[in-house]
Structures are given as structure tokens and as C-alpha cells.
Amino acid sequence: MKGKRTATALRKRRHERVRKTVTGTPERPRLAVYRSLNHIYAQVIDDTAGHTVAAASDQDAEVRKEATKKKKTDVAGLVGAALGQRAKEKGITAVVFDRGGFRYHGRVKALAEAVRKAGVTF
């Protein structure tokens, strides 16, 4: 068999290509996004220490409370706003964006724009 051509395998290959160049430092941690069919997760990671500085998902209680009866793109915006707020509380003003092999489109784009609106630059 030559190689897997499933959508997940292709996304992982794209993610590996992105991760060759994108690394998080204490000054500029990496904002990693993961999108499943139903949920979206994001975390700010310091790769030198191997430590997650801040995280948010649509599974969090405060986001879930606001997310009822909303579209997935709108929920991604709520997750981005929550993550941006948590990152600002930790003193993070700049990050490196890691889209995780997903297209910068739809939910990933909505999350990124909400983080920017919260005051975190990338």
C-alpha cells in the first residue's frame, strides 16, 4: 500500500509541514487550533517548556452557556474571545498561529479573528 489518502491523514501531513516552521516561545507562544466535526478547541502553548499557558473550547461551561442554539462558526468566535481574554490575563499579547493543517476558513478563521479582536496579535 502506497500511503494513506484519508482526509485525516492528509490533514496530519499538512500539520507536520506547518509545525516545521511554527514554534512557540515564552515571548510568542503558539496558538494551536483543533477542529472536530462538532467541537473546536484552542490552546496557547509554550513549546520550549512544553507547557499550555491558556486554553479554551466549546466544552467550557462559560462558553457552553452562551453557545446554545448558535451556529458552529459563531461558537468558534465565542471560543476565540474566551481564549483571547485568558491569554491577556496571563500577559500574552502576541502569538504564532498554528491552524493545525485546517484551512484558514470558516470556524478556524472566526476563532482567529475573535482572538485578534480580544487584543492578541499575530
PDB file of N, CA and C in Angstrom:
ATOM      1  N   MET A   1       0.842  -1.176   0.000  1.00  0.00           N
ATOM      2  CA  MET A   1       0.000   0.000   0.000  1.00  0.00           C
ATOM      3  C   MET A   1       0.885   1.235   0.000  1.00  0.00           C
ATOM      4  N   LYS A   2       0.593   2.165  -0.884  1.00  0.00           N
ATOM      5  CA  LYS A   2       1.479   3.313  -1.071  1.00  0.00           C
ATOM      6  C   LYS A   2       1.419   4.325   0.075  1.00  0.00           C
ATOM      7  N   GLY A   3       0.294   4.613   0.577  1.00  0.00           N
ATOM      8  CA  GLY A   3       0.165   5.583   1.655  1.00  0.00           C
ATOM      9  C   GLY A   3      -1.282   5.940   1.859  1.00  0.00           C
ATOM     10  N   LYS A   4      -1.593   6.396   3.029  1.00  0.00           N
ATOM     11  CA  LYS A   4      -2.979   6.723   3.330  1.00  0.00           C
ATOM     12  C   LYS A   4      -3.368   8.023   2.650  1.00  0.00           C
ATOM     13  N   ARG A   5      -4.549   8.039   2.064  1.00  0.00           N
ATOM     14  CA  ARG A   5      -5.053   9.227   1.407  1.00  0.00           C
ATOM     15  C   ARG A   5      -6.352   9.696   2.052  1.00  0.00           C
ATOM     16  N   THR A   6      -6.566   9.328   3.333  1.00  0.00           N
ATOM     17  CA  THR A   6      -7.775   9.769   4.008  1.00  0.00           C
ATOM     18  C   THR A   6      -7.642  11.248   4.353  1.00  0.00           C
ATOM     19  N   ALA A   7      -8.763  11.865   4.600  1.00  0.00           N
ATOM     20  CA  ALA A   7      -8.756  13.287   4.922  1.00  0.00           C
ATOM     21  C   ALA A   7      -7.958  13.569   6.188  1.00  0.00           C
ATOM     22  N   THR A   8      -8.082  12.701   7.187  1.00  0.00           N
ATOM     23  CA  THR A   8      -7.346  12.893   8.436  1.00  0.00           C
ATOM     24  C   THR A   8      -5.856  12.747   8.227  1.00  0.00           C
ATOM     25  N   ALA A   9      -5.451  11.758   7.437  1.00  0.00           N
ATOM     26  CA  ALA A   9      -4.027  11.554   7.179  1.00  0.00           C
ATOM     27  C   ALA A   9      -3.437  12.726   6.410  1.00  0.00           C
ATOM     28  N   LEU A  10      -4.172  13.248   5.455  1.00  0.00           N
ATOM     29  CA  LEU A  10      -3.693  14.398   4.685  1.00  0.00           C
ATOM     30  C   LEU A  10      -3.585  15.641   5.570  1.00  0.00           C
ATOM     31  N   ARG A  11      -4.562  15.832   6.472  1.00  0.00           N
ATOM     32  CA  ARG A  11      -4.504  16.976   7.379  1.00  0.00           C
ATOM     33  C   ARG A  11      -3.293  16.868   8.291  1.00  0.00           C
ATOM     34  N   LYS A  12      -3.015  15.661   8.781  1.00  0.00           N
ATOM     35  CA  LYS A  12      -1.852  15.476   9.655  1.00  0.00           C
ATOM     36  C   LYS A  12      -0.558  15.766   8.921  1.00  0.00           C
ATOM     37  N   ARG A  13      -0.476  15.401   7.642  1.00  0.00           N
ATOM     38  CA  ARG A  13       0.719  15.716   6.856  1.00  0.00           C
ATOM     39  C   ARG A  13       0.868  17.228   6.686  1.00  0.00           C
ATOM     40  N   ARG A  14      -0.242  17.920   6.424  1.00  0.00           N
ATOM     41  CA  ARG A  14      -0.187  19.384   6.316  1.00  0.00           C
ATOM     42  C   ARG A  14       0.245  19.994   7.639  1.00  0.00           C
ATOM     43  N   HIS A  15      -0.265  19.450   8.751  1.00  0.00           N
ATOM     44  CA  HIS A  15       0.086  19.967  10.069  1.00  0.00           C
ATOM     45  C   HIS A  15       1.578  19.774  10.349  1.00  0.00           C
ATOM     46  N   GLU A  16       2.122  18.637   9.970  1.00  0.00           N
ATOM     47  CA  GLU A  16       3.559  18.401  10.157  1.00  0.00           C
ATOM     48  C   GLU A  16       4.394  19.411   9.374  1.00  0.00           C
ATOM     49  N   ARG A  17       3.949  19.750   8.170  1.00  0.00           N
ATOM     50  CA  ARG A  17       4.664  20.760   7.378  1.00  0.00           C
ATOM     51  C   ARG A  17       4.628  22.124   8.061  1.00  0.00           C
ATOM     52  N   VAL A  18       3.475  22.469   8.617  1.00  0.00           N
ATOM     53  CA  VAL A  18       3.341  23.763   9.307  1.00  0.00           C
ATOM     54  C   VAL A  18       4.203  23.784  10.559  1.00  0.00           C
ATOM     55  N   ARG A  19       4.211  22.654  11.289  1.00  0.00           N
ATOM     56  CA  ARG A  19       4.943  22.607  12.562  1.00  0.00           C
ATOM     57  C   ARG A  19       6.460  22.637  12.388  1.00  0.00           C
ATOM     58  N   LYS A  20       6.961  22.390  11.188  1.00  0.00           N
ATOM     59  CA  LYS A  20       8.401  22.512  10.954  1.00  0.00           C
ATOM     60  C   LYS A  20       8.861  23.947  11.134  1.00  0.00           C
ATOM     61  N   THR A  21       7.998  24.895  10.830  1.00  0.00           N
ATOM     62  CA  THR A  21       8.383  26.304  10.892  1.00  0.00           C
ATOM     63  C   THR A  21       7.774  27.045  12.072  1.00  0.00           C
ATOM     64  N   VAL A  22       6.648  26.586  12.588  1.00  0.00           N
ATOM     65  CA  VAL A  22       5.939  27.309  13.648  1.00  0.00           C
ATOM     66  C   VAL A  22       6.262  26.688  14.999  1.00  0.00           C
ATOM     67  N   THR A  23       6.923  27.451  15.864  1.00  0.00           N
ATOM     68  CA  THR A  23       7.176  27.007  17.231  1.00  0.00           C
ATOM     69  C   THR A  23       6.868  28.148  18.189  1.00  0.00           C
ATOM     70  N   GLY A  24       6.415  27.792  19.363  1.00  0.00           N
ATOM     71  CA  GLY A  24       6.080  28.787  20.366  1.00  0.00           C
ATOM     72  C   GLY A  24       7.231  29.026  21.319  1.00  0.00           C
ATOM     73  N   THR A  25       7.446  30.277  21.649  1.00  0.00           N
ATOM     74  CA  THR A  25       8.479  30.671  22.601  1.00  0.00           C
ATOM     75  C   THR A  25       7.782  31.311  23.799  1.00  0.00           C
ATOM     76  N   PRO A  26       8.502  31.547  24.890  1.00  0.00           N
ATOM     77  CA  PRO A  26       7.850  32.229  26.029  1.00  0.00           C
ATOM     78  C   PRO A  26       7.355  33.630  25.667  1.00  0.00           C
ATOM     79  N   GLU A  27       8.075  34.323  24.762  1.00  0.00           N
ATOM     80  CA  GLU A  27       7.646  35.669  24.364  1.00  0.00           C
ATOM     81  C   GLU A  27       6.464  35.616  23.399  1.00  0.00           C
ATOM     82  N   ARG A  28       6.485  34.624  22.491  1.00  0.00           N
ATOM     83  CA  ARG A  28       5.429  34.468  21.484  1.00  0.00           C
ATOM     84  C   ARG A  28       5.012  33.005  21.409  1.00  0.00           C
ATOM     85  N   PRO A  29       4.092  32.586  22.277  1.00  0.00           N
ATOM     86  CA  PRO A  29       3.670  31.183  22.264  1.00  0.00           C
ATOM     87  C   PRO A  29       2.835  30.857  21.019  1.00  0.00           C
ATOM     88  N   ARG A  30       2.622  29.573  20.818  1.00  0.00           N
ATOM     89  CA  ARG A  30       1.891  29.083  19.652  1.00  0.00           C
ATOM     90  C   ARG A  30       0.418  28.921  19.997  1.00  0.00           C
ATOM     91  N   LEU A  31      -0.445  29.468  19.151  1.00  0.00           N
ATOM     92  CA  LEU A  31      -1.892  29.311  19.297  1.00  0.00           C
ATOM     93  C   LEU A  31      -2.316  28.153  18.396  1.00  0.00           C
ATOM     94  N   ALA A  32      -2.553  26.980  18.987  1.00  0.00           N
ATOM     95  CA  ALA A  32      -2.905  25.777  18.241  1.00  0.00           C
ATOM     96  C   ALA A  32      -4.415  25.593  18.233  1.00  0.00           C
ATOM     97  N   VAL A  33      -4.949  25.262  17.056  1.00  0.00           N
ATOM     98  CA  VAL A  33      -6.386  25.084  16.882  1.00  0.00           C
ATOM     99  C   VAL A  33      -6.654  23.649  16.440  1.00  0.00           C
ATOM    100  N   TYR A  34      -7.656  23.022  17.052  1.00  0.00           N
ATOM    101  CA  TYR A  34      -8.125  21.728  16.585  1.00  0.00           C
ATOM    102  C   TYR A  34      -9.629  21.813  16.397  1.00  0.00           C
ATOM    103  N   ARG A  35     -10.069  21.337  15.258  1.00  0.00           N
ATOM    104  CA  ARG A  35     -11.487  21.397  14.902  1.00  0.00           C
ATOM    105  C   ARG A  35     -11.967  19.989  14.607  1.00  0.00           C
ATOM    106  N   SER A  36     -12.948  19.518  15.375  1.00  0.00           N
ATOM    107  CA  SER A  36     -13.565  18.233  15.073  1.00  0.00           C
ATOM    108  C   SER A  36     -14.887  18.514  14.355  1.00  0.00           C
ATOM    109  N   LEU A  37     -15.650  17.475  14.082  1.00  0.00           N
ATOM    110  CA  LEU A  37     -16.912  17.697  13.381  1.00  0.00           C
ATOM    111  C   LEU A  37     -17.883  18.528  14.211  1.00  0.00           C
ATOM    112  N   ASN A  38     -17.864  18.351  15.521  1.00  0.00           N
ATOM    113  CA  ASN A  38     -18.840  19.034  16.366  1.00  0.00           C
ATOM    114  C   ASN A  38     -18.255  20.084  17.290  1.00  0.00           C
ATOM    115  N   HIS A  39     -16.957  20.036  17.571  1.00  0.00           N
ATOM    116  CA  HIS A  39     -16.372  20.906  18.579  1.00  0.00           C
ATOM    117  C   HIS A  39     -15.135  21.613  18.034  1.00  0.00           C
ATOM    118  N   ILE A  40     -14.689  22.628  18.776  1.00  0.00           N
ATOM    119  CA  ILE A  40     -13.458  23.334  18.426  1.00  0.00           C
ATOM    120  C   ILE A  40     -12.684  23.604  19.712  1.00  0.00           C
ATOM    121  N   TYR A  41     -11.380  23.421  19.627  1.00  0.00           N
ATOM    122  CA  TYR A  41     -10.504  23.568  20.785  1.00  0.00           C
ATOM    123  C   TYR A  41      -9.337  24.454  20.386  1.00  0.00           C
ATOM    124  N   ALA A  42      -8.863  25.273  21.300  1.00  0.00           N
ATOM    125  CA  ALA A  42      -7.699  26.110  21.036  1.00  0.00           C
ATOM    126  C   ALA A  42      -6.891  26.237  22.316  1.00  0.00           C
ATOM    127  N   GLN A  43      -5.571  26.273  22.149  1.00  0.00           N
ATOM    128  CA  GLN A  43      -4.712  26.460  23.306  1.00  0.00           C
ATOM    129  C   GLN A  43      -3.469  27.242  22.917  1.00  0.00           C
ATOM    130  N   VAL A  44      -2.964  27.985  23.880  1.00  0.00           N
ATOM    131  CA  VAL A  44      -1.739  28.759  23.715  1.00  0.00           C
ATOM    132  C   VAL A  44      -0.634  27.962  24.398  1.00  0.00           C
ATOM    133  N   ILE A  45       0.394  27.591  23.610  1.00  0.00           N
ATOM    134  CA  ILE A  45       1.404  26.647  24.077  1.00  0.00           C
ATOM    135  C   ILE A  45       2.793  27.264  23.989  1.00  0.00           C
ATOM    136  N   ASP A  46       3.559  27.138  25.064  1.00  0.00           N
ATOM    137  CA  ASP A  46       4.982  27.481  25.071  1.00  0.00           C
ATOM    138  C   ASP A  46       5.739  26.196  24.772  1.00  0.00           C
ATOM    139  N   ASP A  47       6.262  26.070  23.546  1.00  0.00           N
ATOM    140  CA  ASP A  47       6.907  24.829  23.125  1.00  0.00           C
ATOM    141  C   ASP A  47       8.263  24.608  23.776  1.00  0.00           C
ATOM    142  N   THR A  48       8.948  25.666  24.191  1.00  0.00           N
ATOM    143  CA  THR A  48      10.255  25.469  24.817  1.00  0.00           C
ATOM    144  C   THR A  48      10.105  24.784  26.172  1.00  0.00           C
ATOM    145  N   ALA A  49       9.056  25.124  26.913  1.00  0.00           N
ATOM    146  CA  ALA A  49       8.808  24.493  28.208  1.00  0.00           C
ATOM    147  C   ALA A  49       7.853  23.312  28.096  1.00  0.00           C
ATOM    148  N   GLY A  50       7.178  23.187  26.937  1.00  0.00           N
ATOM    149  CA  GLY A  50       6.195  22.128  26.781  1.00  0.00           C
ATOM    150  C   GLY A  50       4.998  22.335  27.679  1.00  0.00           C
ATOM    151  N   HIS A  51       4.547  23.584  27.792  1.00  0.00           N
ATOM    152  CA  HIS A  51       3.530  23.942  28.775  1.00  0.00           C
ATOM    153  C   HIS A  51       2.388  24.684  28.087  1.00  0.00           C
ATOM    154  N   THR A  52       1.157  24.314  28.402  1.00  0.00           N
ATOM    155  CA  THR A  52      -0.009  25.034  27.908  1.00  0.00           C
ATOM    156  C   THR A  52      -0.272  26.218  28.825  1.00  0.00           C
ATOM    157  N   VAL A  53      -0.262  27.406  28.250  1.00  0.00           N
ATOM    158  CA  VAL A  53      -0.427  28.631  29.034  1.00  0.00           C
ATOM    159  C   VAL A  53      -1.906  28.948  29.234  1.00  0.00           C
ATOM    160  N   ALA A  54      -2.696  28.840  28.171  1.00  0.00           N
ATOM    161  CA  ALA A  54      -4.128  29.122  28.244  1.00  0.00           C
ATOM    162  C   ALA A  54      -4.848  28.222  27.251  1.00  0.00           C
ATOM    163  N   ALA A  55      -6.084  27.871  27.560  1.00  0.00           N
ATOM    164  CA  ALA A  55      -6.857  27.010  26.668  1.00  0.00           C
ATOM    165  C   ALA A  55      -8.331  27.373  26.754  1.00  0.00           C
ATOM    166  N   ALA A  56      -9.046  27.073  25.674  1.00  0.00           N
ATOM    167  CA  ALA A  56     -10.490  27.283  25.645  1.00  0.00           C
ATOM    168  C   ALA A  56     -11.093  26.320  24.629  1.00  0.00           C
ATOM    169  N   SER A  57     -12.329  25.937  24.870  1.00  0.00           N
ATOM    170  CA  SER A  57     -13.052  25.106  23.919  1.00  0.00           C
ATOM    171  C   SER A  57     -14.538  25.371  24.081  1.00  0.00           C
ATOM    172  N   ASP A  58     -15.307  24.820  23.171  1.00  0.00           N
ATOM    173  CA  ASP A  58     -16.749  24.995  23.290  1.00  0.00           C
ATOM    174  C   ASP A  58     -17.336  24.080  24.366  1.00  0.00           C
ATOM    175  N   GLN A  59     -16.499  23.281  24.993  1.00  0.00           N
ATOM    176  CA  GLN A  59     -16.928  22.420  26.093  1.00  0.00           C
ATOM    177  C   GLN A  59     -16.857  23.137  27.443  1.00  0.00           C
ATOM    178  N   ASP A  60     -16.183  24.291  27.502  1.00  0.00           N
ATOM    179  CA  ASP A  60     -16.085  25.046  28.748  1.00  0.00           C
ATOM    180  C   ASP A  60     -17.472  25.532  29.175  1.00  0.00           C
ATOM    181  N   ALA A  61     -17.681  25.581  30.459  1.00  0.00           N
ATOM    182  CA  ALA A  61     -19.002  25.936  30.988  1.00  0.00           C
ATOM    183  C   ALA A  61     -19.435  27.336  30.569  1.00  0.00           C
ATOM    184  N   GLU A  62     -18.518  28.307  30.649  1.00  0.00           N
ATOM    185  CA  GLU A  62     -18.918  29.682  30.324  1.00  0.00           C
ATOM    186  C   GLU A  62     -19.206  29.852  28.831  1.00  0.00           C
ATOM    187  N   VAL A  63     -18.499  29.130  27.983  1.00  0.00           N
ATOM    188  CA  VAL A  63     -18.757  29.209  26.545  1.00  0.00           C
ATOM    189  C   VAL A  63     -20.029  28.436  26.198  1.00  0.00           C
ATOM    190  N   ARG A  64     -20.204  27.266  26.790  1.00  0.00           N
ATOM    191  CA  ARG A  64     -21.374  26.429  26.506  1.00  0.00           C
ATOM    192  C   ARG A  64     -22.665  27.147  26.874  1.00  0.00           C
ATOM    193  N   LYS A  65     -22.608  27.960  27.952  1.00  0.00           N
ATOM    194  CA  LYS A  65     -23.793  28.692  28.390  1.00  0.00           C
ATOM    195  C   LYS A  65     -24.252  29.679  27.308  1.00  0.00           C
ATOM    196  N   GLU A  66     -23.287  30.352  26.662  1.00  0.00           N
ATOM    197  CA  GLU A  66     -23.616  31.332  25.626  1.00  0.00           C
ATOM    198  C   GLU A  66     -23.863  30.679  24.266  1.00  0.00           C
ATOM    199  N   ALA A  67     -23.396  29.456  24.071  1.00  0.00           N
ATOM    200  CA  ALA A  67     -23.394  28.841  22.749  1.00  0.00           C
ATOM    201  C   ALA A  67     -24.687  28.124  22.378  1.00  0.00           C
ATOM    202  N   THR A  68     -25.639  28.077  23.250  1.00  0.00           N
ATOM    203  CA  THR A  68     -26.853  27.334  22.940  1.00  0.00           C
ATOM    204  C   THR A  68     -27.577  27.962  21.757  1.00  0.00           C
ATOM    205  N   LYS A  69     -28.001  27.090  20.844  1.00  0.00           N
ATOM    206  CA  LYS A  69     -28.775  27.477  19.648  1.00  0.00           C
ATOM    207  C   LYS A  69     -28.000  28.399  18.711  1.00  0.00           C
ATOM    208  N   LYS A  70     -26.667  28.295  18.684  1.00  0.00           N
ATOM    209  CA  LYS A  70     -25.864  29.108  17.772  1.00  0.00           C
ATOM    210  C   LYS A  70     -25.189  28.213  16.750  1.00  0.00           C
ATOM    211  N   LYS A  71     -24.811  28.805  15.638  1.00  0.00           N
ATOM    212  CA  LYS A  71     -24.093  28.078  14.596  1.00  0.00           C
ATOM    213  C   LYS A  71     -22.673  27.797  15.061  1.00  0.00           C
ATOM    214  N   LYS A  72     -22.043  26.802  14.439  1.00  0.00           N
ATOM    215  CA  LYS A  72     -20.694  26.403  14.839  1.00  0.00           C
ATOM    216  C   LYS A  72     -19.686  27.529  14.627  1.00  0.00           C
ATOM    217  N   THR A  73     -19.876  28.337  13.593  1.00  0.00           N
ATOM    218  CA  THR A  73     -18.963  29.450  13.334  1.00  0.00           C
ATOM    219  C   THR A  73     -19.081  30.495  14.433  1.00  0.00           C
ATOM    220  N   ASP A  74     -20.292  30.764  14.887  1.00  0.00           N
ATOM    221  CA  ASP A  74     -20.496  31.717  15.978  1.00  0.00           C
ATOM    222  C   ASP A  74     -19.910  31.189  17.281  1.00  0.00           C
ATOM    223  N   VAL A  75     -20.035  29.884  17.514  1.00  0.00           N
ATOM    224  CA  VAL A  75     -19.466  29.277  18.709  1.00  0.00           C
ATOM    225  C   VAL A  75     -17.943  29.383  18.673  1.00  0.00           C
ATOM    226  N   ALA A  76     -17.344  29.208  17.489  1.00  0.00           N
ATOM    227  CA  ALA A  76     -15.893  29.350  17.355  1.00  0.00           C
ATOM    228  C   ALA A  76     -15.463  30.767  17.707  1.00  0.00           C
ATOM    229  N   GLY A  77     -16.268  31.753  17.357  1.00  0.00           N
ATOM    230  CA  GLY A  77     -15.974  33.127  17.747  1.00  0.00           C
ATOM    231  C   GLY A  77     -16.005  33.310  19.248  1.00  0.00           C
ATOM    232  N   LEU A  78     -16.948  32.656  19.916  1.00  0.00           N
ATOM    233  CA  LEU A  78     -17.018  32.724  21.384  1.00  0.00           C
ATOM    234  C   LEU A  78     -15.789  32.078  22.014  1.00  0.00           C
ATOM    235  N   VAL A  79     -15.339  30.961  21.446  1.00  0.00           N
ATOM    236  CA  VAL A  79     -14.149  30.276  21.964  1.00  0.00           C
ATOM    237  C   VAL A  79     -12.930  31.179  21.781  1.00  0.00           C
ATOM    238  N   GLY A  80     -12.823  31.837  20.622  1.00  0.00           N
ATOM    239  CA  GLY A  80     -11.707  32.746  20.370  1.00  0.00           C
ATOM    240  C   GLY A  80     -11.694  33.922  21.332  1.00  0.00           C
ATOM    241  N   ALA A  81     -12.863  34.473  21.607  1.00  0.00           N
ATOM    242  CA  ALA A  81     -12.948  35.587  22.554  1.00  0.00           C
ATOM    243  C   ALA A  81     -12.536  35.147  23.955  1.00  0.00           C
ATOM    244  N   ALA A  82     -12.984  33.959  24.365  1.00  0.00           N
ATOM    245  CA  ALA A  82     -12.618  33.446  25.687  1.00  0.00           C
ATOM    246  C   ALA A  82     -11.116  33.189  25.772  1.00  0.00           C
ATOM    247  N   LEU A  83     -10.546  32.615  24.729  1.00  0.00           N
ATOM    248  CA  LEU A  83      -9.106  32.348  24.724  1.00  0.00           C
ATOM    249  C   LEU A  83      -8.313  33.647  24.726  1.00  0.00           C
ATOM    250  N   GLY A  84      -8.746  34.618  23.947  1.00  0.00           N
ATOM    251  CA  GLY A  84      -8.059  35.913  23.925  1.00  0.00           C
ATOM    252  C   GLY A  84      -8.069  36.576  25.292  1.00  0.00           C
ATOM    253  N   GLN A  85      -9.190  36.496  25.969  1.00  0.00           N
ATOM    254  CA  GLN A  85      -9.303  37.081  27.305  1.00  0.00           C
ATOM    255  C   GLN A  85      -8.381  36.363  28.291  1.00  0.00           C
ATOM    256  N   ARG A  86      -8.360  35.042  28.238  1.00  0.00           N
ATOM    257  CA  ARG A  86      -7.500  34.271  29.146  1.00  0.00           C
ATOM    258  C   ARG A  86      -6.021  34.511  28.859  1.00  0.00           C
ATOM    259  N   ALA A  87      -5.676  34.654  27.596  1.00  0.00           N
ATOM    260  CA  ALA A  87      -4.282  34.931  27.240  1.00  0.00           C
ATOM    261  C   ALA A  87      -3.864  36.311  27.731  1.00  0.00           C
ATOM    262  N   LYS A  88      -4.751  37.292  27.586  1.00  0.00           N
ATOM    263  CA  LYS A  88      -4.437  38.647  28.065  1.00  0.00           C
ATOM    264  C   LYS A  88      -4.261  38.665  29.579  1.00  0.00           C
ATOM    265  N   GLU A  89      -5.045  37.869  30.297  1.00  0.00           N
ATOM    266  CA  GLU A  89      -4.903  37.785  31.754  1.00  0.00           C
ATOM    267  C   GLU A  89      -3.545  37.221  32.150  1.00  0.00           C
ATOM    268  N   LYS A  90      -2.993  36.336  31.309  1.00  0.00           N
ATOM    269  CA  LYS A  90      -1.674  35.749  31.575  1.00  0.00           C
ATOM    270  C   LYS A  90      -0.541  36.627  31.058  1.00  0.00           C
ATOM    271  N   GLY A  91      -0.868  37.770  30.449  1.00  0.00           N
ATOM    272  CA  GLY A  91       0.149  38.693  29.975  1.00  0.00           C
ATOM    273  C   GLY A  91       0.654  38.403  28.570  1.00  0.00           C
ATOM    274  N   ILE A  92      -0.085  37.650  27.788  1.00  0.00           N
ATOM    275  CA  ILE A  92       0.321  37.319  26.423  1.00  0.00           C
ATOM    276  C   ILE A  92      -0.350  38.290  25.466  1.00  0.00           C
ATOM    277  N   THR A  93       0.468  38.997  24.685  1.00  0.00           N
ATOM    278  CA  THR A  93      -0.071  39.951  23.725  1.00  0.00           C
ATOM    279  C   THR A  93       0.189  39.550  22.283  1.00  0.00           C
ATOM    280  N   ALA A  94       1.137  38.623  22.056  1.00  0.00           N
ATOM    281  CA  ALA A  94       1.459  38.187  20.694  1.00  0.00           C
ATOM    282  C   ALA A  94       1.633  36.678  20.677  1.00  0.00           C
ATOM    283  N   VAL A  95       1.094  36.041  19.641  1.00  0.00           N
ATOM    284  CA  VAL A  95       1.214  34.598  19.479  1.00  0.00           C
ATOM    285  C   VAL A  95       1.576  34.280  18.032  1.00  0.00           C
ATOM    286  N   VAL A  96       1.957  33.023  17.812  1.00  0.00           N
ATOM    287  CA  VAL A  96       2.172  32.492  16.473  1.00  0.00           C
ATOM    288  C   VAL A  96       1.000  31.575  16.197  1.00  0.00           C
ATOM    289  N   PHE A  97       0.327  31.739  15.067  1.00  0.00           N
ATOM    290  CA  PHE A  97      -0.898  30.986  14.793  1.00  0.00           C
ATOM    291  C   PHE A  97      -0.571  29.659  14.122  1.00  0.00           C
ATOM    292  N   ASP A  98      -1.082  28.580  14.690  1.00  0.00           N
ATOM    293  CA  ASP A  98      -0.928  27.230  14.143  1.00  0.00           C
ATOM    294  C   ASP A  98      -2.326  26.720  13.818  1.00  0.00           C
ATOM    295  N   ARG A  99      -2.663  26.695  12.545  1.00  0.00           N
ATOM    296  CA  ARG A  99      -4.010  26.314  12.127  1.00  0.00           C
ATOM    297  C   ARG A  99      -4.227  24.818  12.142  1.00  0.00           C
ATOM    298  N   GLY A 100      -3.209  24.040  12.456  1.00  0.00           N
ATOM    299  CA  GLY A 100      -3.346  22.601  12.637  1.00  0.00           C
ATOM    300  C   GLY A 100      -3.625  21.816  11.377  1.00  0.00           C
ATOM    301  N   GLY A 101      -3.235  22.338  10.231  1.00  0.00           N
ATOM    302  CA  GLY A 101      -3.489  21.644   8.980  1.00  0.00           C
ATOM    303  C   GLY A 101      -4.861  21.916   8.401  1.00  0.00           C
ATOM    304  N   PHE A 102      -5.680  22.690   9.117  1.00  0.00           N
ATOM    305  CA  PHE A 102      -7.006  23.049   8.632  1.00  0.00           C
ATOM    306  C   PHE A 102      -6.897  24.297   7.768  1.00  0.00           C
ATOM    307  N   ARG A 103      -7.838  24.472   6.856  1.00  0.00           N
ATOM    308  CA  ARG A 103      -7.847  25.680   6.042  1.00  0.00           C
ATOM    309  C   ARG A 103      -8.183  26.890   6.909  1.00  0.00           C
ATOM    310  N   TYR A 104      -7.595  28.031   6.587  1.00  0.00           N
ATOM    311  CA  TYR A 104      -7.927  29.271   7.299  1.00  0.00           C
ATOM    312  C   TYR A 104      -9.230  29.770   6.693  1.00  0.00           C
ATOM    313  N   HIS A 105     -10.335  29.222   7.221  1.00  0.00           N
ATOM    314  CA  HIS A 105     -11.611  29.383   6.562  1.00  0.00           C
ATOM    315  C   HIS A 105     -12.682  28.956   7.560  1.00  0.00           C
ATOM    316  N   GLY A 106     -13.811  29.581   7.568  1.00  0.00           N
ATOM    317  CA  GLY A 106     -14.918  29.144   8.404  1.00  0.00           C
ATOM    318  C   GLY A 106     -14.654  29.270   9.887  1.00  0.00           C
ATOM    319  N   ARG A 107     -14.725  28.156  10.608  1.00  0.00           N
ATOM    320  CA  ARG A 107     -14.597  28.168  12.063  1.00  0.00           C
ATOM    321  C   ARG A 107     -13.206  28.571  12.517  1.00  0.00           C
ATOM    322  N   VAL A 108     -12.176  28.129  11.805  1.00  0.00           N
ATOM    323  CA  VAL A 108     -10.798  28.479  12.185  1.00  0.00           C
ATOM    324  C   VAL A 108     -10.591  29.983  12.022  1.00  0.00           C
ATOM    325  N   LYS A 109     -11.101  30.538  10.944  1.00  0.00           N
ATOM    326  CA  LYS A 109     -10.982  31.978  10.704  1.00  0.00           C
ATOM    327  C   LYS A 109     -11.776  32.778  11.742  1.00  0.00           C
ATOM    328  N   ALA A 110     -12.967  32.322  12.084  1.00  0.00           N
ATOM    329  CA  ALA A 110     -13.787  33.013  13.086  1.00  0.00           C
ATOM    330  C   ALA A 110     -13.093  33.027  14.440  1.00  0.00           C
ATOM    331  N   LEU A 111     -12.472  31.915  14.807  1.00  0.00           N
ATOM    332  CA  LEU A 111     -11.745  31.848  16.071  1.00  0.00           C
ATOM    333  C   LEU A 111     -10.564  32.819  16.053  1.00  0.00           C
ATOM    334  N   ALA A 112      -9.800  32.823  14.962  1.00  0.00           N
ATOM    335  CA  ALA A 112      -8.628  33.694  14.870  1.00  0.00           C
ATOM    336  C   ALA A 112      -9.016  35.164  14.931  1.00  0.00           C
ATOM    337  N   GLU A 113     -10.066  35.530  14.248  1.00  0.00           N
ATOM    338  CA  GLU A 113     -10.495  36.931  14.259  1.00  0.00           C
ATOM    339  C   GLU A 113     -10.991  37.349  15.635  1.00  0.00           C
ATOM    340  N   ALA A 114     -11.644  36.453  16.358  1.00  0.00           N
ATOM    341  CA  ALA A 114     -12.097  36.768  17.721  1.00  0.00           C
ATOM    342  C   ALA A 114     -10.925  36.944  18.672  1.00  0.00           C
ATOM    343  N   VAL A 115      -9.877  36.147  18.498  1.00  0.00           N
ATOM    344  CA  VAL A 115      -8.680  36.302  19.336  1.00  0.00           C
ATOM    345  C   VAL A 115      -8.026  37.646  19.040  1.00  0.00           C
ATOM    346  N   ARG A 116      -7.943  38.009  17.772  1.00  0.00           N
ATOM    347  CA  ARG A 116      -7.376  39.316  17.407  1.00  0.00           C
ATOM    348  C   ARG A 116      -8.205  40.453  17.992  1.00  0.00           C
ATOM    349  N   LYS A 117      -9.519  40.307  17.943  1.00  0.00           N
ATOM    350  CA  LYS A 117     -10.411  41.339  18.480  1.00  0.00           C
ATOM    351  C   LYS A 117     -10.221  41.510  19.983  1.00  0.00           C
ATOM    352  N   ALA A 118      -9.831  40.422  20.650  1.00  0.00           N
ATOM    353  CA  ALA A 118      -9.600  40.473  22.092  1.00  0.00           C
ATOM    354  C   ALA A 118      -8.273  41.167  22.439  1.00  0.00           C
ATOM    355  N   GLY A 119      -7.445  41.441  21.426  1.00  0.00           N
ATOM    356  CA  GLY A 119      -6.222  42.198  21.665  1.00  0.00           C
ATOM    357  C   GLY A 119      -4.926  41.405  21.548  1.00  0.00           C
ATOM    358  N   VAL A 120      -4.994  40.170  21.090  1.00  0.00           N
ATOM    359  CA  VAL A 120      -3.796  39.365  20.895  1.00  0.00           C
ATOM    360  C   VAL A 120      -3.411  39.443  19.431  1.00  0.00           C
ATOM    361  N   THR A 121      -2.163  39.807  19.156  1.00  0.00           N
ATOM    362  CA  THR A 121      -1.734  39.993  17.778  1.00  0.00           C
ATOM    363  C   THR A 121      -1.013  38.766  17.236  1.00  0.00           C
ATOM    364  N   PHE A 122      -1.157  38.544  15.934  1.00  0.00           N
ATOM    365  CA  PHE A 122      -0.409  37.528  15.196  1.00  0.00           C
ATOM    366  C   PHE A 122      -0.565  37.771  13.727  1.00  0.00           C
TER     367      PHE A 122
END
